[in-house]
PDB file of N, CA and C in Angstrom:
ATOM      1  N   MET A   1      98.559 -66.159 -47.266  1.00  0.00           N
ATOM      2  CA  MET A   1      98.936 -64.779 -47.503  1.00  0.00           C
ATOM      3  C   MET A   1      97.691 -63.912 -47.721  1.00  0.00           C
ATOM      4  N   ARG A   2      96.757 -64.407 -48.541  1.00  0.00           N
ATOM      5  CA  ARG A   2      95.530 -63.669 -48.821  1.00  0.00           C
ATOM      6  C   ARG A   2      94.780 -63.370 -47.537  1.00  0.00           C
ATOM      7  N   ARG A   3      94.725 -64.347 -46.650  1.00  0.00           N
ATOM      8  CA  ARG A   3      94.000 -64.176 -45.396  1.00  0.00           C
ATOM      9  C   ARG A   3      94.677 -63.147 -44.497  1.00  0.00           C
ATOM     10  N   THR A   4      95.988 -63.146 -44.467  1.00  0.00           N
ATOM     11  CA  THR A   4      96.718 -62.177 -43.656  1.00  0.00           C
ATOM     12  C   THR A   4      96.452 -60.761 -44.151  1.00  0.00           C
ATOM     13  N   VAL A   5      96.514 -60.571 -45.451  1.00  0.00           N
ATOM     14  CA  VAL A   5      96.260 -59.253 -46.034  1.00  0.00           C
ATOM     15  C   VAL A   5      94.821 -58.835 -45.757  1.00  0.00           C
ATOM     16  N   LEU A   6      93.875 -59.757 -45.939  1.00  0.00           N
ATOM     17  CA  LEU A   6      92.468 -59.439 -45.691  1.00  0.00           C
ATOM     18  C   LEU A   6      92.259 -59.034 -44.235  1.00  0.00           C
ATOM     19  N   THR A   7      92.848 -59.776 -43.310  1.00  0.00           N
ATOM     20  CA  THR A   7      92.708 -59.450 -41.896  1.00  0.00           C
ATOM     21  C   THR A   7      93.272 -58.070 -41.596  1.00  0.00           C
ATOM     22  N   LEU A   8      94.442 -57.763 -42.134  1.00  0.00           N
ATOM     23  CA  LEU A   8      95.045 -56.446 -41.901  1.00  0.00           C
ATOM     24  C   LEU A   8      94.179 -55.329 -42.474  1.00  0.00           C
ATOM     25  N   LEU A   9      93.622 -55.546 -43.648  1.00  0.00           N
ATOM     26  CA  LEU A   9      92.757 -54.530 -44.247  1.00  0.00           C
ATOM     27  C   LEU A   9      91.479 -54.338 -43.441  1.00  0.00           C
ATOM     28  N   LEU A  10      90.928 -55.426 -42.942  1.00  0.00           N
ATOM     29  CA  LEU A  10      89.695 -55.330 -42.172  1.00  0.00           C
ATOM     30  C   LEU A  10      89.907 -54.643 -40.833  1.00  0.00           C
ATOM     31  N   LEU A  11      91.069 -54.837 -40.244  1.00  0.00           N
ATOM     32  CA  LEU A  11      91.336 -54.269 -38.924  1.00  0.00           C
ATOM     33  C   LEU A  11      91.857 -52.840 -38.978  1.00  0.00           C
ATOM     34  N   ALA A  12      92.318 -52.398 -40.114  1.00  0.00           N
ATOM     35  CA  ALA A  12      92.922 -51.073 -40.218  1.00  0.00           C
ATOM     36  C   ALA A  12      92.050 -49.951 -39.684  1.00  0.00           C
ATOM     37  N   PRO A  13      90.746 -49.917 -39.957  1.00  0.00           N
ATOM     38  CA  PRO A  13      89.954 -48.778 -39.475  1.00  0.00           C
ATOM     39  C   PRO A  13      89.722 -48.759 -37.968  1.00  0.00           C
ATOM     40  N   LEU A  14      89.797 -49.882 -37.294  1.00  0.00           N
ATOM     41  CA  LEU A  14      89.432 -49.933 -35.882  1.00  0.00           C
ATOM     42  C   LEU A  14      90.280 -49.031 -34.982  1.00  0.00           C
ATOM     43  N   PRO A  15      91.601 -49.066 -35.033  1.00  0.00           N
ATOM     44  CA  PRO A  15      92.363 -48.186 -34.138  1.00  0.00           C
ATOM     45  C   PRO A  15      92.109 -46.708 -34.403  1.00  0.00           C
ATOM     46  N   VAL A  16      91.903 -46.333 -35.655  1.00  0.00           N
ATOM     47  CA  VAL A  16      91.630 -44.938 -35.977  1.00  0.00           C
ATOM     48  C   VAL A  16      90.299 -44.514 -35.368  1.00  0.00           C
ATOM     49  N   GLN A  17      89.278 -45.357 -35.503  1.00  0.00           N
ATOM     50  CA  GLN A  17      87.963 -45.022 -34.988  1.00  0.00           C
ATOM     51  C   GLN A  17      87.964 -44.953 -33.468  1.00  0.00           C
ATOM     52  N   ALA A  18      88.754 -45.770 -32.809  1.00  0.00           N
ATOM     53  CA  ALA A  18      88.708 -45.867 -31.358  1.00  0.00           C
ATOM     54  C   ALA A  18      89.840 -45.102 -30.685  1.00  0.00           C
ATOM     55  N   SER A  19      90.509 -44.212 -31.421  1.00  0.00           N
ATOM     56  CA  SER A  19      91.669 -43.531 -30.858  1.00  0.00           C
ATOM     57  C   SER A  19      91.299 -42.556 -29.748  1.00  0.00           C
ATOM     58  N   SER A  20      90.105 -42.034 -29.757  1.00  0.00           N
ATOM     59  CA  SER A  20      89.669 -41.118 -28.717  1.00  0.00           C
ATOM     60  C   SER A  20      88.870 -41.870 -27.665  1.00  0.00           C
ATOM     61  N   ASN A  21      89.120 -41.579 -26.396  1.00  0.00           N
ATOM     62  CA  ASN A  21      88.402 -42.246 -25.313  1.00  0.00           C
ATOM     63  C   ASN A  21      87.138 -41.497 -24.920  1.00  0.00           C
ATOM     64  N   ASN A  22      86.812 -40.418 -25.594  1.00  0.00           N
ATOM     65  CA  ASN A  22      85.657 -39.598 -25.243  1.00  0.00           C
ATOM     66  C   ASN A  22      84.462 -39.889 -26.142  1.00  0.00           C
ATOM     67  N   HIS A  23      84.094 -41.159 -26.238  1.00  0.00           N
ATOM     68  CA  HIS A  23      82.973 -41.551 -27.084  1.00  0.00           C
ATOM     69  C   HIS A  23      81.677 -41.516 -26.296  1.00  0.00           C
ATOM     70  N   SER A  24      80.625 -41.074 -26.956  1.00  0.00           N
ATOM     71  CA  SER A  24      79.296 -41.154 -26.365  1.00  0.00           C
ATOM     72  C   SER A  24      78.848 -42.615 -26.422  1.00  0.00           C
ATOM     73  N   PRO A  25      77.818 -42.988 -25.649  1.00  0.00           N
ATOM     74  CA  PRO A  25      77.310 -44.359 -25.726  1.00  0.00           C
ATOM     75  C   PRO A  25      76.894 -44.743 -27.148  1.00  0.00           C
ATOM     76  N   ASP A  26      76.299 -43.813 -27.887  1.00  0.00           N
ATOM     77  CA  ASP A  26      75.912 -44.112 -29.265  1.00  0.00           C
ATOM     78  C   ASP A  26      77.134 -44.362 -30.151  1.00  0.00           C
ATOM     79  N   GLN A  27      78.177 -43.574 -29.944  1.00  0.00           N
ATOM     80  CA  GLN A  27      79.404 -43.774 -30.725  1.00  0.00           C
ATOM     81  C   GLN A  27      80.040 -45.126 -30.391  1.00  0.00           C
ATOM     82  N   LEU A  28      79.979 -45.516 -29.128  1.00  0.00           N
ATOM     83  CA  LEU A  28      80.533 -46.819 -28.738  1.00  0.00           C
ATOM     84  C   LEU A  28      79.771 -47.950 -29.412  1.00  0.00           C
ATOM     85  N   CYS A  29      78.462 -47.825 -29.506  1.00  0.00           N
ATOM     86  CA  CYS A  29      77.670 -48.851 -30.191  1.00  0.00           C
ATOM     87  C   CYS A  29      78.008 -48.889 -31.677  1.00  0.00           C
ATOM     88  N   HIS A  30      78.264 -47.726 -32.260  1.00  0.00           N
ATOM     89  CA  HIS A  30      78.685 -47.673 -33.665  1.00  0.00           C
ATOM     90  C   HIS A  30      80.027 -48.397 -33.834  1.00  0.00           C
ATOM     91  N   LEU A  31      80.958 -48.168 -32.927  1.00  0.00           N
ATOM     92  CA  LEU A  31      82.257 -48.851 -32.982  1.00  0.00           C
ATOM     93  C   LEU A  31      82.087 -50.360 -32.828  1.00  0.00           C
ATOM     94  N   ARG A  32      81.213 -50.757 -31.907  1.00  0.00           N
ATOM     95  CA  ARG A  32      80.942 -52.189 -31.734  1.00  0.00           C
ATOM     96  C   ARG A  32      80.379 -52.773 -33.024  1.00  0.00           C
ATOM     97  N   GLY A  33      79.533 -52.014 -33.704  1.00  0.00           N
ATOM     98  CA  GLY A  33      78.992 -52.473 -34.977  1.00  0.00           C
ATOM     99  C   GLY A  33      80.069 -52.632 -36.032  1.00  0.00           C
ATOM    100  N   SER A  34      80.994 -51.684 -36.094  1.00  0.00           N
ATOM    101  CA  SER A  34      82.110 -51.784 -37.036  1.00  0.00           C
ATOM    102  C   SER A  34      82.957 -53.017 -36.739  1.00  0.00           C
ATOM    103  N   TRP A  35      83.196 -53.238 -35.464  1.00  0.00           N
ATOM    104  CA  TRP A  35      83.958 -54.411 -35.032  1.00  0.00           C
ATOM    105  C   TRP A  35      83.224 -55.690 -35.449  1.00  0.00           C
ATOM    106  N   ALA A  36      81.903 -55.732 -35.228  1.00  0.00           N
ATOM    107  CA  ALA A  36      81.118 -56.913 -35.585  1.00  0.00           C
ATOM    108  C   ALA A  36      81.173 -57.167 -37.092  1.00  0.00           C
ATOM    109  N   ALA A  37      81.125 -56.102 -37.884  1.00  0.00           N
ATOM    110  CA  ALA A  37      81.227 -56.247 -39.337  1.00  0.00           C
ATOM    111  C   ALA A  37      82.579 -56.823 -39.726  1.00  0.00           C
ATOM    112  N   THR A  38      83.631 -56.412 -39.038  1.00  0.00           N
ATOM    113  CA  THR A  38      84.968 -56.942 -39.297  1.00  0.00           C
ATOM    114  C   THR A  38      85.019 -58.438 -39.004  1.00  0.00           C
ATOM    115  N   VAL A  39      84.458 -58.821 -37.867  1.00  0.00           N
ATOM    116  CA  VAL A  39      84.453 -60.237 -37.483  1.00  0.00           C
ATOM    117  C   VAL A  39      83.677 -61.065 -38.504  1.00  0.00           C
ATOM    118  N   MET A  40      82.485 -60.593 -38.878  1.00  0.00           N
ATOM    119  CA  MET A  40      81.671 -61.364 -39.818  1.00  0.00           C
ATOM    120  C   MET A  40      82.274 -61.364 -41.218  1.00  0.00           C
ATOM    121  N   SER A  41      82.924 -60.291 -41.619  1.00  0.00           N
ATOM    122  CA  SER A  41      83.606 -60.274 -42.919  1.00  0.00           C
ATOM    123  C   SER A  41      84.696 -61.338 -42.962  1.00  0.00           C
ATOM    124  N   ALA A  42      85.433 -61.448 -41.886  1.00  0.00           N
ATOM    125  CA  ALA A  42      86.470 -62.476 -41.803  1.00  0.00           C
ATOM    126  C   ALA A  42      85.854 -63.864 -41.839  1.00  0.00           C
ATOM    127  N   ARG A  43      84.742 -64.037 -41.130  1.00  0.00           N
ATOM    128  CA  ARG A  43      84.060 -65.328 -41.120  1.00  0.00           C
ATOM    129  C   ARG A  43      83.595 -65.688 -42.537  1.00  0.00           C
ATOM    130  N   GLN A  44      83.017 -64.718 -43.251  1.00  0.00           N
ATOM    131  CA  GLN A  44      82.535 -64.969 -44.607  1.00  0.00           C
ATOM    132  C   GLN A  44      83.683 -65.223 -45.582  1.00  0.00           C
ATOM    133  N   ALA A  45      84.869 -64.695 -45.284  1.00  0.00           N
ATOM    134  CA  ALA A  45      86.042 -64.906 -46.134  1.00  0.00           C
ATOM    135  C   ALA A  45      86.714 -66.253 -45.855  1.00  0.00           C
ATOM    136  N   GLY A  46      86.230 -66.960 -44.844  1.00  0.00           N
ATOM    137  CA  GLY A  46      86.782 -68.275 -44.543  1.00  0.00           C
ATOM    138  C   GLY A  46      87.970 -68.267 -43.602  1.00  0.00           C
ATOM    139  N   ILE A  47      88.205 -67.139 -42.956  1.00  0.00           N
ATOM    140  CA  ILE A  47      89.306 -67.070 -41.991  1.00  0.00           C
ATOM    141  C   ILE A  47      88.913 -67.884 -40.769  1.00  0.00           C
ATOM    142  N   PRO A  48      89.791 -68.760 -40.294  1.00  0.00           N
ATOM    143  CA  PRO A  48      89.438 -69.645 -39.184  1.00  0.00           C
ATOM    144  C   PRO A  48      89.123 -68.891 -37.890  1.00  0.00           C
ATOM    145  N   LEU A  49      88.231 -69.464 -37.126  1.00  0.00           N
ATOM    146  CA  LEU A  49      87.850 -68.897 -35.836  1.00  0.00           C
ATOM    147  C   LEU A  49      89.066 -68.674 -34.949  1.00  0.00           C
ATOM    148  N   SER A  50      89.964 -69.636 -34.907  1.00  0.00           N
ATOM    149  CA  SER A  50      91.143 -69.517 -34.042  1.00  0.00           C
ATOM    150  C   SER A  50      92.001 -68.302 -34.392  1.00  0.00           C
ATOM    151  N   SER A  51      91.917 -67.847 -35.627  1.00  0.00           N
ATOM    152  CA  SER A  51      92.670 -66.658 -36.043  1.00  0.00           C
ATOM    153  C   SER A  51      91.969 -65.367 -35.666  1.00  0.00           C
ATOM    154  N   GLN A  52      90.729 -65.442 -35.219  1.00  0.00           N
ATOM    155  CA  GLN A  52      89.945 -64.248 -34.941  1.00  0.00           C
ATOM    156  C   GLN A  52      89.793 -63.938 -33.460  1.00  0.00           C
ATOM    157  N   LEU A  53      90.153 -64.868 -32.607  1.00  0.00           N
ATOM    158  CA  LEU A  53      89.930 -64.666 -31.175  1.00  0.00           C
ATOM    159  C   LEU A  53      90.698 -63.476 -30.613  1.00  0.00           C
ATOM    160  N   HIS A  54      91.786 -63.089 -31.260  1.00  0.00           N
ATOM    161  CA  HIS A  54      92.534 -61.909 -30.805  1.00  0.00           C
ATOM    162  C   HIS A  54      91.724 -60.619 -30.960  1.00  0.00           C
ATOM    163  N   LEU A  55      90.668 -60.650 -31.760  1.00  0.00           N
ATOM    164  CA  LEU A  55      89.871 -59.445 -32.006  1.00  0.00           C
ATOM    165  C   LEU A  55      89.133 -58.958 -30.765  1.00  0.00           C
ATOM    166  N   GLU A  56      89.007 -59.816 -29.750  1.00  0.00           N
ATOM    167  CA  GLU A  56      88.337 -59.364 -28.533  1.00  0.00           C
ATOM    168  C   GLU A  56      89.180 -58.316 -27.808  1.00  0.00           C
ATOM    169  N   ASN A  57      90.445 -58.179 -28.176  1.00  0.00           N
ATOM    170  CA  ASN A  57      91.336 -57.194 -27.554  1.00  0.00           C
ATOM    171  C   ASN A  57      91.493 -55.926 -28.388  1.00  0.00           C
ATOM    172  N   ALA A  58      90.810 -55.860 -29.525  1.00  0.00           N
ATOM    173  CA  ALA A  58      90.914 -54.684 -30.391  1.00  0.00           C
ATOM    174  C   ALA A  58      90.158 -53.506 -29.784  1.00  0.00           C
ATOM    175  N   PRO A  59      90.588 -52.273 -30.082  1.00  0.00           N
ATOM    176  CA  PRO A  59      89.851 -51.103 -29.599  1.00  0.00           C
ATOM    177  C   PRO A  59      88.407 -51.117 -30.118  1.00  0.00           C
ATOM    178  N   GLY A  60      87.457 -50.838 -29.262  1.00  0.00           N
ATOM    179  CA  GLY A  60      86.055 -50.841 -29.647  1.00  0.00           C
ATOM    180  C   GLY A  60      85.469 -52.227 -29.814  1.00  0.00           C
ATOM    181  N   ALA A  61      86.183 -53.227 -29.300  1.00  0.00           N
ATOM    182  CA  ALA A  61      85.808 -54.622 -29.530  1.00  0.00           C
ATOM    183  C   ALA A  61      84.607 -55.065 -28.721  1.00  0.00           C
ATOM    184  N   GLY A  62      83.985 -56.085 -29.241  1.00  0.00           N
ATOM    185  CA  GLY A  62      82.937 -56.786 -28.526  1.00  0.00           C
ATOM    186  C   GLY A  62      83.554 -57.895 -27.690  1.00  0.00           C
ATOM    187  N   THR A  63      82.775 -58.899 -27.430  1.00  0.00           N
ATOM    188  CA  THR A  63      83.211 -59.972 -26.543  1.00  0.00           C
ATOM    189  C   THR A  63      83.603 -61.224 -27.317  1.00  0.00           C
ATOM    190  N   ARG A  64      84.269 -62.121 -26.612  1.00  0.00           N
ATOM    191  CA  ARG A  64      84.621 -63.420 -27.175  1.00  0.00           C
ATOM    192  C   ARG A  64      83.348 -64.158 -27.600  1.00  0.00           C
ATOM    193  N   ASP A  65      82.282 -64.036 -26.796  1.00  0.00           N
ATOM    194  CA  ASP A  65      81.018 -64.683 -27.136  1.00  0.00           C
ATOM    195  C   ASP A  65      80.460 -64.157 -28.456  1.00  0.00           C
ATOM    196  N   GLU A  66      80.669 -62.875 -28.744  1.00  0.00           N
ATOM    197  CA  GLU A  66      80.194 -62.310 -30.008  1.00  0.00           C
ATOM    198  C   GLU A  66      81.019 -62.827 -31.189  1.00  0.00           C
ATOM    199  N   ILE A  67      82.290 -63.068 -30.969  1.00  0.00           N
ATOM    200  CA  ILE A  67      83.115 -63.680 -32.020  1.00  0.00           C
ATOM    201  C   ILE A  67      82.605 -65.089 -32.292  1.00  0.00           C
ATOM    202  N   LEU A  68      82.387 -65.844 -31.215  1.00  0.00           N
ATOM    203  CA  LEU A  68      81.884 -67.206 -31.374  1.00  0.00           C
ATOM    204  C   LEU A  68      80.515 -67.206 -32.059  1.00  0.00           C
ATOM    205  N   ALA A  69      79.663 -66.253 -31.698  1.00  0.00           N
ATOM    206  CA  ALA A  69      78.327 -66.174 -32.304  1.00  0.00           C
ATOM    207  C   ALA A  69      78.418 -65.919 -33.801  1.00  0.00           C
ATOM    208  N   ALA A  70      79.373 -65.120 -34.234  1.00  0.00           N
ATOM    209  CA  ALA A  70      79.531 -64.858 -35.669  1.00  0.00           C
ATOM    210  C   ALA A  70      79.822 -66.159 -36.410  1.00  0.00           C
ATOM    211  N   TYR A  71      80.582 -67.037 -35.787  1.00  0.00           N
ATOM    212  CA  TYR A  71      80.939 -68.302 -36.424  1.00  0.00           C
ATOM    213  C   TYR A  71      79.830 -69.342 -36.335  1.00  0.00           C
ATOM    214  N   GLU A  72      78.772 -69.033 -35.606  1.00  0.00           N
ATOM    215  CA  GLU A  72      77.594 -69.893 -35.609  1.00  0.00           C
ATOM    216  C   GLU A  72      76.676 -69.580 -36.783  1.00  0.00           C
ATOM    217  N   HIS A  73      76.888 -68.424 -37.406  1.00  0.00           N
ATOM    218  CA  HIS A  73      76.129 -68.049 -38.598  1.00  0.00           C
ATOM    219  C   HIS A  73      76.719 -68.777 -39.804  1.00  0.00           C
ATOM    220  N   PRO A  74      75.894 -69.077 -40.798  1.00  0.00           N
ATOM    221  CA  PRO A  74      76.417 -69.781 -41.974  1.00  0.00           C
ATOM    222  C   PRO A  74      77.360 -68.907 -42.797  1.00  0.00           C
ATOM    223  N   ARG A  75      78.225 -69.588 -43.510  1.00  0.00           N
ATOM    224  CA  ARG A  75      79.124 -68.926 -44.457  1.00  0.00           C
ATOM    225  C   ARG A  75      78.498 -69.063 -45.844  1.00  0.00           C
ATOM    226  N   PHE A  76      78.401 -67.953 -46.557  1.00  0.00           N
ATOM    227  CA  PHE A  76      77.749 -67.948 -47.860  1.00  0.00           C
ATOM    228  C   PHE A  76      78.770 -67.909 -48.988  1.00  0.00           C
ATOM    229  N   SER A  77      78.353 -68.353 -50.169  1.00  0.00           N
ATOM    230  CA  SER A  77      79.282 -68.438 -51.290  1.00  0.00           C
ATOM    231  C   SER A  77      79.180 -67.260 -52.257  1.00  0.00           C
ATOM    232  N   THR A  78      78.083 -66.522 -52.216  1.00  0.00           N
ATOM    233  CA  THR A  78      77.951 -65.389 -53.134  1.00  0.00           C
ATOM    234  C   THR A  78      78.204 -64.078 -52.394  1.00  0.00           C
ATOM    235  N   ALA A  79      78.783 -63.131 -53.105  1.00  0.00           N
ATOM    236  CA  ALA A  79      79.110 -61.837 -52.505  1.00  0.00           C
ATOM    237  C   ALA A  79      77.885 -61.117 -51.928  1.00  0.00           C
ATOM    238  N   PRO A  80      76.740 -61.099 -52.623  1.00  0.00           N
ATOM    239  CA  PRO A  80      75.580 -60.414 -52.039  1.00  0.00           C
ATOM    240  C   PRO A  80      75.111 -61.048 -50.721  1.00  0.00           C
ATOM    241  N   MET A  81      75.140 -62.350 -50.654  1.00  0.00           N
ATOM    242  CA  MET A  81      74.715 -63.017 -49.417  1.00  0.00           C
ATOM    243  C   MET A  81      75.740 -62.819 -48.295  1.00  0.00           C
ATOM    244  N   GLN A  82      77.014 -62.802 -48.650  1.00  0.00           N
ATOM    245  CA  GLN A  82      78.047 -62.523 -47.652  1.00  0.00           C
ATOM    246  C   GLN A  82      77.874 -61.124 -47.089  1.00  0.00           C
ATOM    247  N   GLN A  83      77.613 -60.147 -47.971  1.00  0.00           N
ATOM    248  CA  GLN A  83      77.411 -58.769 -47.527  1.00  0.00           C
ATOM    249  C   GLN A  83      76.183 -58.658 -46.638  1.00  0.00           C
ATOM    250  N   ARG A  84      75.149 -59.384 -46.990  1.00  0.00           N
ATOM    251  CA  ARG A  84      73.932 -59.371 -46.170  1.00  0.00           C
ATOM    252  C   ARG A  84      74.211 -59.956 -44.788  1.00  0.00           C
ATOM    253  N   ALA A  85      74.997 -61.018 -44.726  1.00  0.00           N
ATOM    254  CA  ALA A  85      75.353 -61.618 -43.436  1.00  0.00           C
ATOM    255  C   ALA A  85      76.141 -60.625 -42.584  1.00  0.00           C
ATOM    256  N   VAL A  86      77.050 -59.884 -43.211  1.00  0.00           N
ATOM    257  CA  VAL A  86      77.844 -58.866 -42.502  1.00  0.00           C
ATOM    258  C   VAL A  86      76.923 -57.780 -41.962  1.00  0.00           C
ATOM    259  N   GLU A  87      76.038 -57.269 -42.803  1.00  0.00           N
ATOM    260  CA  GLU A  87      75.115 -56.205 -42.385  1.00  0.00           C
ATOM    261  C   GLU A  87      74.184 -56.676 -41.268  1.00  0.00           C
ATOM    262  N   ASP A  88      73.663 -57.894 -41.417  1.00  0.00           N
ATOM    263  CA  ASP A  88      72.748 -58.426 -40.406  1.00  0.00           C
ATOM    264  C   ASP A  88      73.444 -58.608 -39.062  1.00  0.00           C
ATOM    265  N   TYR A  89      74.678 -59.116 -39.089  1.00  0.00           N
ATOM    266  CA  TYR A  89      75.383 -59.331 -37.829  1.00  0.00           C
ATOM    267  C   TYR A  89      75.753 -57.994 -37.184  1.00  0.00           C
ATOM    268  N   ARG A  90      76.164 -57.045 -37.981  1.00  0.00           N
ATOM    269  CA  ARG A  90      76.465 -55.714 -37.444  1.00  0.00           C
ATOM    270  C   ARG A  90      75.230 -55.139 -36.739  1.00  0.00           C
ATOM    271  N   ASN A  91      74.089 -55.224 -37.406  1.00  0.00           N
ATOM    272  CA  ASN A  91      72.855 -54.706 -36.819  1.00  0.00           C
ATOM    273  C   ASN A  91      72.466 -55.463 -35.553  1.00  0.00           C
ATOM    274  N   GLU A  92      72.684 -56.747 -35.537  1.00  0.00           N
ATOM    275  CA  GLU A  92      72.389 -57.563 -34.352  1.00  0.00           C
ATOM    276  C   GLU A  92      73.209 -57.086 -33.142  1.00  0.00           C
ATOM    277  N   VAL A  93      74.507 -56.874 -33.352  1.00  0.00           N
ATOM    278  CA  VAL A  93      75.389 -56.427 -32.269  1.00  0.00           C
ATOM    279  C   VAL A  93      75.040 -55.000 -31.850  1.00  0.00           C
ATOM    280  N   GLU A  94      74.799 -54.118 -32.811  1.00  0.00           N
ATOM    281  CA  GLU A  94      74.437 -52.736 -32.477  1.00  0.00           C
ATOM    282  C   GLU A  94      73.107 -52.685 -31.728  1.00  0.00           C
ATOM    283  N   LEU A  95      72.139 -53.451 -32.153  1.00  0.00           N
ATOM    284  CA  LEU A  95      70.843 -53.467 -31.481  1.00  0.00           C
ATOM    285  C   LEU A  95      70.995 -53.869 -30.017  1.00  0.00           C
ATOM    286  N   ARG A  96      71.751 -54.910 -29.778  1.00  0.00           N
ATOM    287  CA  ARG A  96      71.986 -55.360 -28.400  1.00  0.00           C
ATOM    288  C   ARG A  96      72.688 -54.266 -27.579  1.00  0.00           C
ATOM    289  N   CYS A  97      73.649 -53.591 -28.200  1.00  0.00           N
ATOM    290  CA  CYS A  97      74.383 -52.515 -27.527  1.00  0.00           C
ATOM    291  C   CYS A  97      73.442 -51.361 -27.170  1.00  0.00           C
ATOM    292  N   PHE A  98      72.643 -50.917 -28.128  1.00  0.00           N
ATOM    293  CA  PHE A  98      71.718 -49.807 -27.875  1.00  0.00           C
ATOM    294  C   PHE A  98      70.675 -50.176 -26.820  1.00  0.00           C
ATOM    295  N   LYS A  99      70.197 -51.403 -26.866  1.00  0.00           N
ATOM    296  CA  LYS A  99      69.209 -51.849 -25.866  1.00  0.00           C
ATOM    297  C   LYS A  99      69.815 -51.863 -24.465  1.00  0.00           C
ATOM    298  N   ASN A 100      71.078 -52.205 -24.357  1.00  0.00           N
ATOM    299  CA  ASN A 100      71.732 -52.256 -23.044  1.00  0.00           C
ATOM    300  C   ASN A 100      71.985 -50.880 -22.459  1.00  0.00           C
ATOM    301  N   GLN A 101      71.863 -49.830 -23.271  1.00  0.00           N
ATOM    302  CA  GLN A 101      72.043 -48.463 -22.787  1.00  0.00           C
ATOM    303  C   GLN A 101      70.838 -47.973 -22.005  1.00  0.00           C
ATOM    304  N   GLN A 102      69.699 -48.561 -22.233  1.00  0.00           N
ATOM    305  CA  GLN A 102      68.450 -48.066 -21.621  1.00  0.00           C
ATOM    306  C   GLN A 102      68.387 -48.397 -20.151  1.00  0.00           C
TER     307      GLN A 102
END
């Protein structure tokens, strides 16, 4: 039950952010970063990978490979380290997105 509620809370902002199709490339990278943070937050919360694969179909989503990559990162036990993992993964995905725009 806890995992279901956590997943719903984490996904709630995505449809609102991606409701408009008129995003600039920078805005799309920001959305991808938000999506990546959602994936890594779920990973840090212990939600199984098999429960996260549907996220590749979410608005503003990244790829299945990016979901798998999040699960290759370690899971941490302290809140500060979990938050750092989320921030680092978000930045990793955004950096790749911005670089691909050039």
